[in-house]
Amino acid sequence: MIRRAAAALAGAALVAGCGQQAGTRERSDDAGTALEATAIARGIVSDPAALNPVGAFASATDRVCVVPRDGEYSIGVSVDYGDRQHCVARGVARENGVLRVDFGGGCRLDARFDGERIVFPAEAPAACNQSCTGRASLSAVNTARLSVAEAEARAMRGADGNPLCD
């Protein structure tokens, strides 16, 4: 009799524990959402809805410019490793949490933009190779914001000597 009561009590505790765990998970999601909202409000985390990609971006040999164009953006990228090893691509981008970039000819990719950096995927589509010479690639382009000024973005030039964003 005591064993049955102990087993029933253990089973009830187990079921109650599962209920608490599920409840904790829901509260955790609510807490995470509240924490993120607080971080955005205090400026610790950028608000994805308020990010503006317009500007000039660069690192080492990579350059990216983004300027407004008819409800979307003109985007240009230049990668220059010297000795005729470079890429230059110009196209359009739409922003929807990520920059959906279309350089034409099937070269489409989603670039990550966090307010300070533009990062291309680790592997660009094969169609993007048409924009490159030698062993250069548009894969893993990773640039930091230099300026939010549209004029500076428009002044940026590619490895071909021409403006990246028109």
N, C-alpha and C. Protein backbone atom coordinates (compact mmCIF):
# COMPACT_ATOMS: atom_id res chain seq x y z
N MET A 1 0.82 -1.18 0.00
CA MET A 1 0.00 0.00 0.00
C MET A 1 0.88 1.26 0.00
N ILE A 2 1.92 1.25 0.81
CA ILE A 2 2.82 2.39 0.89
C ILE A 2 3.55 2.56 -0.44
N ARG A 3 3.93 1.44 -1.06
CA ARG A 3 4.63 1.52 -2.35
C ARG A 3 3.73 2.14 -3.41
N ARG A 4 2.44 1.75 -3.43
CA ARG A 4 1.52 2.31 -4.42
C ARG A 4 1.35 3.81 -4.20
N ALA A 5 1.23 4.23 -2.96
CA ALA A 5 1.06 5.65 -2.64
C ALA A 5 2.31 6.42 -3.06
N ALA A 6 3.48 5.85 -2.81
CA ALA A 6 4.74 6.51 -3.17
C ALA A 6 4.86 6.62 -4.69
N ALA A 7 4.47 5.56 -5.41
CA ALA A 7 4.52 5.58 -6.87
C ALA A 7 3.56 6.61 -7.43
N ALA A 8 2.35 6.68 -6.86
CA ALA A 8 1.36 7.65 -7.31
C ALA A 8 1.86 9.07 -7.06
N LEU A 9 2.46 9.28 -5.88
CA LEU A 9 2.99 10.60 -5.53
C LEU A 9 4.14 10.98 -6.47
N ALA A 10 5.02 10.05 -6.78
CA ALA A 10 6.13 10.30 -7.70
C ALA A 10 5.61 10.61 -9.10
N GLY A 11 4.60 9.88 -9.54
CA GLY A 11 4.00 10.13 -10.86
C GLY A 11 3.37 11.50 -10.92
N ALA A 12 2.68 11.90 -9.87
CA ALA A 12 2.05 13.22 -9.83
C ALA A 12 3.12 14.31 -9.85
N ALA A 13 4.20 14.10 -9.12
CA ALA A 13 5.28 15.09 -9.09
C ALA A 13 5.93 15.21 -10.47
N LEU A 14 6.09 14.07 -11.15
CA LEU A 14 6.68 14.07 -12.48
C LEU A 14 5.80 14.85 -13.46
N VAL A 15 4.49 14.59 -13.41
CA VAL A 15 3.56 15.30 -14.29
C VAL A 15 3.57 16.79 -13.96
N ALA A 16 3.55 17.12 -12.68
CA ALA A 16 3.57 18.52 -12.27
C ALA A 16 4.86 19.19 -12.72
N GLY A 17 5.97 18.48 -12.62
CA GLY A 17 7.26 19.01 -13.07
C GLY A 17 7.26 19.30 -14.55
N CYS A 18 6.64 18.39 -15.33
CA CYS A 18 6.56 18.61 -16.77
C CYS A 18 5.73 19.85 -17.07
N GLY A 19 4.65 20.01 -16.34
CA GLY A 19 3.81 21.19 -16.53
C GLY A 19 4.58 22.45 -16.20
N GLN A 20 5.35 22.42 -15.15
CA GLN A 20 6.13 23.60 -14.77
C GLN A 20 7.19 23.89 -15.82
N GLN A 21 7.80 22.84 -16.33
CA GLN A 21 8.85 23.03 -17.31
C GLN A 21 8.28 23.70 -18.57
N ALA A 22 7.11 23.23 -19.02
CA ALA A 22 6.50 23.83 -20.19
C ALA A 22 6.13 25.28 -19.89
N GLY A 23 5.58 25.51 -18.69
CA GLY A 23 5.22 26.87 -18.31
C GLY A 23 6.45 27.76 -18.24
N THR A 24 7.55 27.21 -17.75
CA THR A 24 8.79 27.97 -17.66
C THR A 24 9.27 28.34 -19.05
N ARG A 25 9.13 27.42 -20.00
CA ARG A 25 9.55 27.69 -21.36
C ARG A 25 8.76 28.86 -21.94
N GLU A 26 7.44 28.88 -21.71
CA GLU A 26 6.64 29.98 -22.21
C GLU A 26 7.06 31.29 -21.55
N ARG A 27 7.25 31.25 -20.25
CA ARG A 27 7.69 32.46 -19.55
C ARG A 27 9.07 32.87 -20.05
N SER A 28 9.92 31.91 -20.36
CA SER A 28 11.26 32.21 -20.87
C SER A 28 11.16 32.94 -22.20
N ASP A 29 10.26 32.47 -23.10
CA ASP A 29 10.08 33.15 -24.38
C ASP A 29 9.61 34.58 -24.17
N ASP A 30 8.65 34.76 -23.27
CA ASP A 30 8.16 36.10 -22.96
C ASP A 30 9.29 36.95 -22.38
N ALA A 31 10.08 36.36 -21.50
CA ALA A 31 11.19 37.09 -20.90
C ALA A 31 12.23 37.47 -21.96
N GLY A 32 12.50 36.57 -22.89
CA GLY A 32 13.45 36.85 -23.96
C GLY A 32 12.98 37.99 -24.85
N THR A 33 11.69 37.98 -25.17
CA THR A 33 11.12 39.04 -25.98
C THR A 33 11.20 40.37 -25.25
N ALA A 34 10.87 40.35 -23.97
CA ALA A 34 10.94 41.58 -23.16
C ALA A 34 12.38 42.07 -23.05
N LEU A 35 13.32 41.15 -22.87
CA LEU A 35 14.73 41.52 -22.77
C LEU A 35 15.21 42.16 -24.07
N GLU A 36 14.84 41.56 -25.20
CA GLU A 36 15.25 42.13 -26.49
C GLU A 36 14.64 43.51 -26.69
N ALA A 37 13.36 43.69 -26.34
CA ALA A 37 12.71 44.99 -26.48
C ALA A 37 13.41 46.04 -25.62
N THR A 38 13.80 45.66 -24.40
CA THR A 38 14.50 46.58 -23.51
C THR A 38 15.87 46.94 -24.08
N ALA A 39 16.58 45.95 -24.62
CA ALA A 39 17.91 46.19 -25.21
C ALA A 39 17.80 47.12 -26.41
N ILE A 40 16.76 46.96 -27.22
CA ILE A 40 16.55 47.85 -28.37
C ILE A 40 16.24 49.26 -27.88
N ALA A 41 15.35 49.36 -26.88
CA ALA A 41 14.97 50.67 -26.35
C ALA A 41 16.16 51.43 -25.76
N ARG A 42 17.10 50.72 -25.17
CA ARG A 42 18.26 51.36 -24.55
C ARG A 42 19.44 51.51 -25.49
N GLY A 43 19.28 51.06 -26.73
CA GLY A 43 20.32 51.23 -27.73
C GLY A 43 21.44 50.21 -27.66
N ILE A 44 21.25 49.15 -26.89
CA ILE A 44 22.26 48.10 -26.78
C ILE A 44 22.25 47.23 -28.03
N VAL A 45 21.06 47.01 -28.58
CA VAL A 45 20.87 46.21 -29.79
C VAL A 45 20.15 47.10 -30.81
N SER A 46 20.57 47.05 -32.06
CA SER A 46 19.92 47.84 -33.10
C SER A 46 18.54 47.29 -33.39
N ASP A 47 17.59 48.18 -33.62
CA ASP A 47 16.23 47.80 -33.97
C ASP A 47 16.22 47.40 -35.45
N PRO A 48 15.94 46.13 -35.74
CA PRO A 48 15.97 45.68 -37.14
C PRO A 48 15.03 46.48 -38.04
N ALA A 49 13.92 46.98 -37.49
CA ALA A 49 12.97 47.73 -38.28
C ALA A 49 13.48 49.14 -38.61
N ALA A 50 14.47 49.62 -37.88
CA ALA A 50 14.95 50.99 -38.07
C ALA A 50 16.32 51.06 -38.73
N LEU A 51 16.87 49.95 -39.16
CA LEU A 51 18.21 49.96 -39.76
C LEU A 51 18.16 50.57 -41.15
N ASN A 52 19.14 51.39 -41.46
CA ASN A 52 19.24 52.03 -42.76
C ASN A 52 20.60 51.66 -43.36
N PRO A 53 20.62 50.90 -44.46
CA PRO A 53 21.90 50.44 -45.02
C PRO A 53 22.62 51.46 -45.88
N VAL A 54 22.06 52.64 -46.09
CA VAL A 54 22.70 53.63 -46.96
C VAL A 54 24.04 54.05 -46.37
N GLY A 55 25.07 53.99 -47.21
CA GLY A 55 26.38 54.43 -46.77
C GLY A 55 27.51 53.73 -47.49
N ALA A 56 28.72 53.99 -46.99
CA ALA A 56 29.95 53.40 -47.53
C ALA A 56 30.50 52.41 -46.51
N PHE A 57 30.91 51.24 -46.99
CA PHE A 57 31.42 50.17 -46.15
C PHE A 57 32.73 49.67 -46.74
N ALA A 58 33.66 49.25 -45.88
CA ALA A 58 34.94 48.75 -46.39
C ALA A 58 35.65 47.91 -45.34
N SER A 59 36.57 47.11 -45.82
CA SER A 59 37.55 46.39 -45.00
C SER A 59 38.66 45.96 -45.94
N ALA A 60 39.88 45.98 -45.47
CA ALA A 60 41.04 45.58 -46.27
C ALA A 60 40.86 45.93 -47.75
N THR A 61 40.51 44.95 -48.57
CA THR A 61 40.39 45.18 -50.02
C THR A 61 38.94 45.15 -50.50
N ASP A 62 37.98 45.03 -49.61
CA ASP A 62 36.57 44.95 -49.99
C ASP A 62 35.89 46.31 -49.81
N ARG A 63 35.05 46.68 -50.76
CA ARG A 63 34.29 47.93 -50.70
C ARG A 63 32.84 47.63 -51.05
N VAL A 64 31.91 48.25 -50.33
CA VAL A 64 30.49 48.15 -50.63
C VAL A 64 29.87 49.53 -50.46
N CYS A 65 29.02 49.91 -51.41
CA CYS A 65 28.26 51.15 -51.27
C CYS A 65 26.79 50.82 -51.43
N VAL A 66 25.96 51.57 -50.73
CA VAL A 66 24.51 51.40 -50.81
C VAL A 66 23.90 52.80 -50.85
N VAL A 67 23.08 53.07 -51.89
CA VAL A 67 22.39 54.36 -52.01
C VAL A 67 20.92 54.11 -52.35
N PRO A 68 20.03 55.04 -51.94
CA PRO A 68 18.61 54.85 -52.24
C PRO A 68 18.33 54.95 -53.74
N ARG A 69 17.31 54.17 -54.17
CA ARG A 69 16.93 54.19 -55.58
C ARG A 69 15.50 53.69 -55.72
N ASP A 70 14.57 54.55 -56.00
CA ASP A 70 13.18 54.19 -56.30
C ASP A 70 12.59 53.14 -55.35
N GLY A 71 12.64 53.39 -54.06
CA GLY A 71 12.05 52.47 -53.09
C GLY A 71 12.89 51.26 -52.76
N GLU A 72 14.03 51.14 -53.38
CA GLU A 72 14.98 50.08 -53.04
C GLU A 72 16.35 50.72 -52.96
N TYR A 73 17.39 49.97 -53.21
CA TYR A 73 18.75 50.51 -53.11
C TYR A 73 19.58 50.08 -54.30
N SER A 74 20.50 50.96 -54.71
CA SER A 74 21.58 50.57 -55.62
C SER A 74 22.70 50.09 -54.71
N ILE A 75 23.32 49.01 -55.11
CA ILE A 75 24.43 48.46 -54.32
C ILE A 75 25.58 48.13 -55.26
N GLY A 76 26.77 48.38 -54.80
CA GLY A 76 27.95 48.01 -55.57
C GLY A 76 28.96 47.37 -54.64
N VAL A 77 29.71 46.42 -55.16
CA VAL A 77 30.75 45.75 -54.37
C VAL A 77 32.00 45.62 -55.22
N SER A 78 33.13 45.82 -54.57
CA SER A 78 34.42 45.66 -55.24
C SER A 78 35.35 44.90 -54.30
N VAL A 79 35.98 43.87 -54.85
CA VAL A 79 36.98 43.09 -54.13
C VAL A 79 38.24 43.17 -54.99
N ASP A 80 39.35 43.60 -54.41
CA ASP A 80 40.56 43.80 -55.20
C ASP A 80 41.76 43.19 -54.50
N TYR A 81 42.25 42.06 -55.03
CA TYR A 81 43.42 41.40 -54.46
C TYR A 81 44.69 41.78 -55.20
N GLY A 82 44.58 42.70 -56.18
CA GLY A 82 45.75 43.11 -56.96
C GLY A 82 46.07 42.08 -58.03
N ASP A 83 47.03 42.41 -58.88
CA ASP A 83 47.50 41.50 -59.93
C ASP A 83 46.34 40.87 -60.72
N ARG A 84 45.40 41.70 -61.12
CA ARG A 84 44.23 41.28 -61.91
C ARG A 84 43.35 40.23 -61.23
N GLN A 85 43.31 40.26 -59.94
CA GLN A 85 42.45 39.37 -59.14
C GLN A 85 41.41 40.27 -58.46
N HIS A 86 40.26 40.46 -59.12
CA HIS A 86 39.26 41.34 -58.52
C HIS A 86 37.84 40.97 -58.96
N CYS A 87 36.88 41.54 -58.25
CA CYS A 87 35.47 41.44 -58.60
C CYS A 87 34.88 42.84 -58.53
N VAL A 88 33.97 43.13 -59.43
CA VAL A 88 33.19 44.35 -59.38
C VAL A 88 31.77 43.98 -59.81
N ALA A 89 30.81 44.26 -58.94
CA ALA A 89 29.41 43.96 -59.26
C ALA A 89 28.54 45.12 -58.81
N ARG A 90 27.56 45.43 -59.65
CA ARG A 90 26.62 46.50 -59.35
C ARG A 90 25.21 45.96 -59.56
N GLY A 91 24.31 46.36 -58.67
CA GLY A 91 22.95 45.86 -58.80
C GLY A 91 21.98 46.60 -57.90
N VAL A 92 20.93 45.89 -57.53
CA VAL A 92 19.89 46.45 -56.67
C VAL A 92 19.74 45.58 -55.43
N ALA A 93 19.23 46.19 -54.38
CA ALA A 93 18.99 45.45 -53.13
C ALA A 93 17.67 45.91 -52.54
N ARG A 94 17.00 44.98 -51.92
CA ARG A 94 15.80 45.26 -51.15
C ARG A 94 16.07 44.83 -49.74
N GLU A 95 15.52 45.59 -48.80
CA GLU A 95 15.78 45.26 -47.39
C GLU A 95 14.52 44.72 -46.76
N ASN A 96 14.65 43.53 -46.17
CA ASN A 96 13.54 42.89 -45.47
C ASN A 96 14.15 42.02 -44.37
N GLY A 97 14.82 42.65 -43.43
CA GLY A 97 15.54 41.89 -42.40
C GLY A 97 16.93 41.51 -42.85
N VAL A 98 17.08 41.27 -44.15
CA VAL A 98 18.38 41.04 -44.79
C VAL A 98 18.38 41.87 -46.08
N LEU A 99 19.55 42.08 -46.62
CA LEU A 99 19.62 42.75 -47.92
C LEU A 99 19.53 41.68 -49.00
N ARG A 100 18.46 41.68 -49.74
CA ARG A 100 18.29 40.75 -50.87
C ARG A 100 18.91 41.43 -52.08
N VAL A 101 20.08 40.94 -52.47
CA VAL A 101 20.89 41.59 -53.49
C VAL A 101 20.75 40.84 -54.81
N ASP A 102 20.57 41.62 -55.89
CA ASP A 102 20.51 41.05 -57.24
C ASP A 102 21.50 41.81 -58.12
N PHE A 103 22.60 41.13 -58.49
CA PHE A 103 23.61 41.74 -59.34
C PHE A 103 23.36 41.42 -60.82
N GLY A 104 22.27 40.72 -61.11
CA GLY A 104 21.94 40.36 -62.49
C GLY A 104 22.64 39.08 -62.91
N GLY A 105 22.20 38.53 -64.04
CA GLY A 105 22.80 37.32 -64.58
C GLY A 105 22.70 36.12 -63.65
N GLY A 106 21.71 36.11 -62.76
CA GLY A 106 21.56 34.98 -61.83
C GLY A 106 22.35 35.13 -60.54
N CYS A 107 23.09 36.20 -60.41
CA CYS A 107 23.88 36.42 -59.18
C CYS A 107 22.99 37.12 -58.16
N ARG A 108 22.33 36.31 -57.33
CA ARG A 108 21.46 36.80 -56.26
C ARG A 108 21.93 36.21 -54.95
N LEU A 109 21.94 37.05 -53.91
CA LEU A 109 22.34 36.55 -52.60
C LEU A 109 21.71 37.40 -51.51
N ASP A 110 21.65 36.86 -50.34
CA ASP A 110 21.16 37.57 -49.17
C ASP A 110 22.35 37.97 -48.31
N ALA A 111 22.54 39.27 -48.17
CA ALA A 111 23.64 39.79 -47.34
C ALA A 111 23.07 40.18 -45.98
N ARG A 112 23.82 39.90 -44.95
CA ARG A 112 23.40 40.25 -43.59
C ARG A 112 23.83 41.69 -43.31
N PHE A 113 22.90 42.47 -42.74
CA PHE A 113 23.21 43.85 -42.35
C PHE A 113 22.73 44.04 -40.92
N ASP A 114 23.64 44.42 -40.03
CA ASP A 114 23.28 44.57 -38.61
C ASP A 114 23.33 46.02 -38.13
N GLY A 115 23.44 46.94 -39.06
CA GLY A 115 23.53 48.35 -38.69
C GLY A 115 24.94 48.88 -38.80
N GLU A 116 25.92 48.01 -38.67
CA GLU A 116 27.34 48.41 -38.74
C GLU A 116 28.15 47.63 -39.77
N ARG A 117 27.67 46.47 -40.17
CA ARG A 117 28.43 45.61 -41.09
C ARG A 117 27.51 45.06 -42.18
N ILE A 118 28.07 44.86 -43.36
CA ILE A 118 27.41 44.10 -44.41
C ILE A 118 28.27 42.87 -44.65
N VAL A 119 27.65 41.71 -44.56
CA VAL A 119 28.37 40.44 -44.69
C VAL A 119 27.66 39.58 -45.74
N PHE A 120 28.41 39.18 -46.76
CA PHE A 120 27.89 38.29 -47.80
C PHE A 120 28.00 36.85 -47.31
N PRO A 121 27.20 35.95 -47.88
CA PRO A 121 27.28 34.54 -47.46
C PRO A 121 28.66 33.93 -47.74
N ALA A 122 28.98 32.89 -47.01
CA ALA A 122 30.28 32.22 -47.14
C ALA A 122 30.51 31.70 -48.54
N GLU A 123 29.44 31.34 -49.23
CA GLU A 123 29.56 30.87 -50.61
C GLU A 123 28.58 31.63 -51.48
N ALA A 124 29.11 32.47 -52.35
CA ALA A 124 28.27 33.19 -53.31
C ALA A 124 27.86 32.22 -54.42
N PRO A 125 26.69 32.43 -55.03
CA PRO A 125 26.28 31.57 -56.14
C PRO A 125 27.31 31.58 -57.27
N ALA A 126 27.42 30.49 -57.99
CA ALA A 126 28.38 30.37 -59.09
C ALA A 126 28.17 31.46 -60.13
N ALA A 127 26.94 31.92 -60.32
CA ALA A 127 26.65 32.97 -61.31
C ALA A 127 27.39 34.26 -60.98
N CYS A 128 27.78 34.44 -59.73
CA CYS A 128 28.49 35.67 -59.33
C CYS A 128 29.92 35.69 -59.84
N ASN A 129 30.44 34.55 -60.28
CA ASN A 129 31.81 34.48 -60.79
C ASN A 129 31.99 35.31 -62.05
N GLN A 130 30.89 35.61 -62.76
CA GLN A 130 30.97 36.42 -63.98
C GLN A 130 31.47 37.83 -63.69
N SER A 131 31.37 38.25 -62.43
CA SER A 131 31.82 39.59 -62.03
C SER A 131 33.27 39.61 -61.59
N CYS A 132 33.93 38.46 -61.64
CA CYS A 132 35.28 38.34 -61.08
C CYS A 132 36.30 37.90 -62.11
N THR A 133 37.56 38.26 -61.84
CA THR A 133 38.67 37.78 -62.64
C THR A 133 39.63 37.04 -61.72
N GLY A 134 40.37 36.12 -62.29
CA GLY A 134 41.34 35.37 -61.49
C GLY A 134 40.65 34.55 -60.41
N ARG A 135 41.25 34.52 -59.25
CA ARG A 135 40.72 33.71 -58.15
C ARG A 135 39.87 34.52 -57.18
N ALA A 136 39.58 35.77 -57.50
CA ALA A 136 38.76 36.60 -56.62
C ALA A 136 37.32 36.08 -56.59
N SER A 137 36.61 36.41 -55.53
CA SER A 137 35.26 35.90 -55.33
C SER A 137 34.44 36.88 -54.51
N LEU A 138 33.13 36.84 -54.68
CA LEU A 138 32.22 37.64 -53.85
C LEU A 138 31.82 36.88 -52.59
N SER A 139 32.35 35.70 -52.39
CA SER A 139 32.05 34.92 -51.19
C SER A 139 32.64 35.58 -49.96
N ALA A 140 31.87 35.62 -48.91
CA ALA A 140 32.31 36.06 -47.58
C ALA A 140 32.84 37.50 -47.53
N VAL A 141 32.34 38.37 -48.41
CA VAL A 141 32.69 39.78 -48.30
C VAL A 141 32.18 40.25 -46.94
N ASN A 142 33.02 40.95 -46.19
CA ASN A 142 32.68 41.36 -44.83
C ASN A 142 33.20 42.78 -44.63
N THR A 143 32.29 43.75 -44.62
CA THR A 143 32.70 45.15 -44.55
C THR A 143 32.07 45.87 -43.37
N ALA A 144 32.79 46.84 -42.84
CA ALA A 144 32.31 47.67 -41.73
C ALA A 144 31.91 49.04 -42.28
N ARG A 145 30.95 49.65 -41.63
CA ARG A 145 30.48 50.97 -42.06
C ARG A 145 31.57 52.02 -41.87
N LEU A 146 31.84 52.76 -42.95
CA LEU A 146 32.75 53.90 -42.90
C LEU A 146 31.97 55.19 -42.71
N SER A 147 30.81 55.26 -43.36
CA SER A 147 30.05 56.50 -43.36
C SER A 147 28.58 56.22 -43.65
N VAL A 148 27.71 57.07 -43.11
CA VAL A 148 26.28 57.00 -43.44
C VAL A 148 25.94 58.01 -44.53
N ALA A 149 26.93 58.76 -44.99
CA ALA A 149 26.69 59.80 -45.99
C ALA A 149 26.51 59.20 -47.38
N GLU A 150 25.38 59.54 -47.99
CA GLU A 150 25.10 59.07 -49.34
C GLU A 150 26.15 59.57 -50.33
N ALA A 151 26.62 60.81 -50.15
CA ALA A 151 27.63 61.37 -51.04
C ALA A 151 28.92 60.56 -51.02
N GLU A 152 29.31 60.10 -49.83
CA GLU A 152 30.53 59.29 -49.74
C GLU A 152 30.33 57.93 -50.40
N ALA A 153 29.13 57.36 -50.25
CA ALA A 153 28.84 56.09 -50.90
C ALA A 153 28.90 56.25 -52.42
N ARG A 154 28.36 57.36 -52.92
CA ARG A 154 28.37 57.60 -54.37
C ARG A 154 29.78 57.87 -54.90
N ALA A 155 30.67 58.37 -54.06
CA ALA A 155 32.05 58.66 -54.47
C ALA A 155 32.94 57.42 -54.50
N MET A 156 32.49 56.34 -53.89
CA MET A 156 33.30 55.11 -53.82
C MET A 156 33.49 54.51 -55.21
N ARG A 157 34.72 54.11 -55.50
CA ARG A 157 35.04 53.54 -56.82
C ARG A 157 35.44 52.07 -56.69
N GLY A 158 35.18 51.34 -57.75
CA GLY A 158 35.51 49.93 -57.79
C GLY A 158 36.90 49.69 -58.34
N ALA A 159 37.30 48.44 -58.36
CA ALA A 159 38.61 48.06 -58.89
C ALA A 159 38.75 48.40 -60.37
N ASP A 160 37.61 48.60 -61.06
CA ASP A 160 37.64 48.98 -62.47
C ASP A 160 37.78 50.49 -62.67
N GLY A 161 37.85 51.27 -61.56
CA GLY A 161 38.03 52.71 -61.63
C GLY A 161 36.73 53.49 -61.76
N ASN A 162 35.60 52.82 -61.92
CA ASN A 162 34.31 53.48 -62.08
C ASN A 162 33.55 53.55 -60.76
N PRO A 163 32.62 54.52 -60.63
CA PRO A 163 31.82 54.58 -59.41
C PRO A 163 31.07 53.27 -59.17
N LEU A 164 31.05 52.83 -57.91
CA LEU A 164 30.34 51.59 -57.58
C LEU A 164 28.84 51.78 -57.57
N CYS A 165 28.38 52.90 -57.02
CA CYS A 165 26.95 53.18 -56.95
C CYS A 165 26.65 54.42 -57.78
N ASP A 166 25.71 54.30 -58.70
CA ASP A 166 25.38 55.48 -59.53
C ASP A 166 24.10 56.11 -59.09
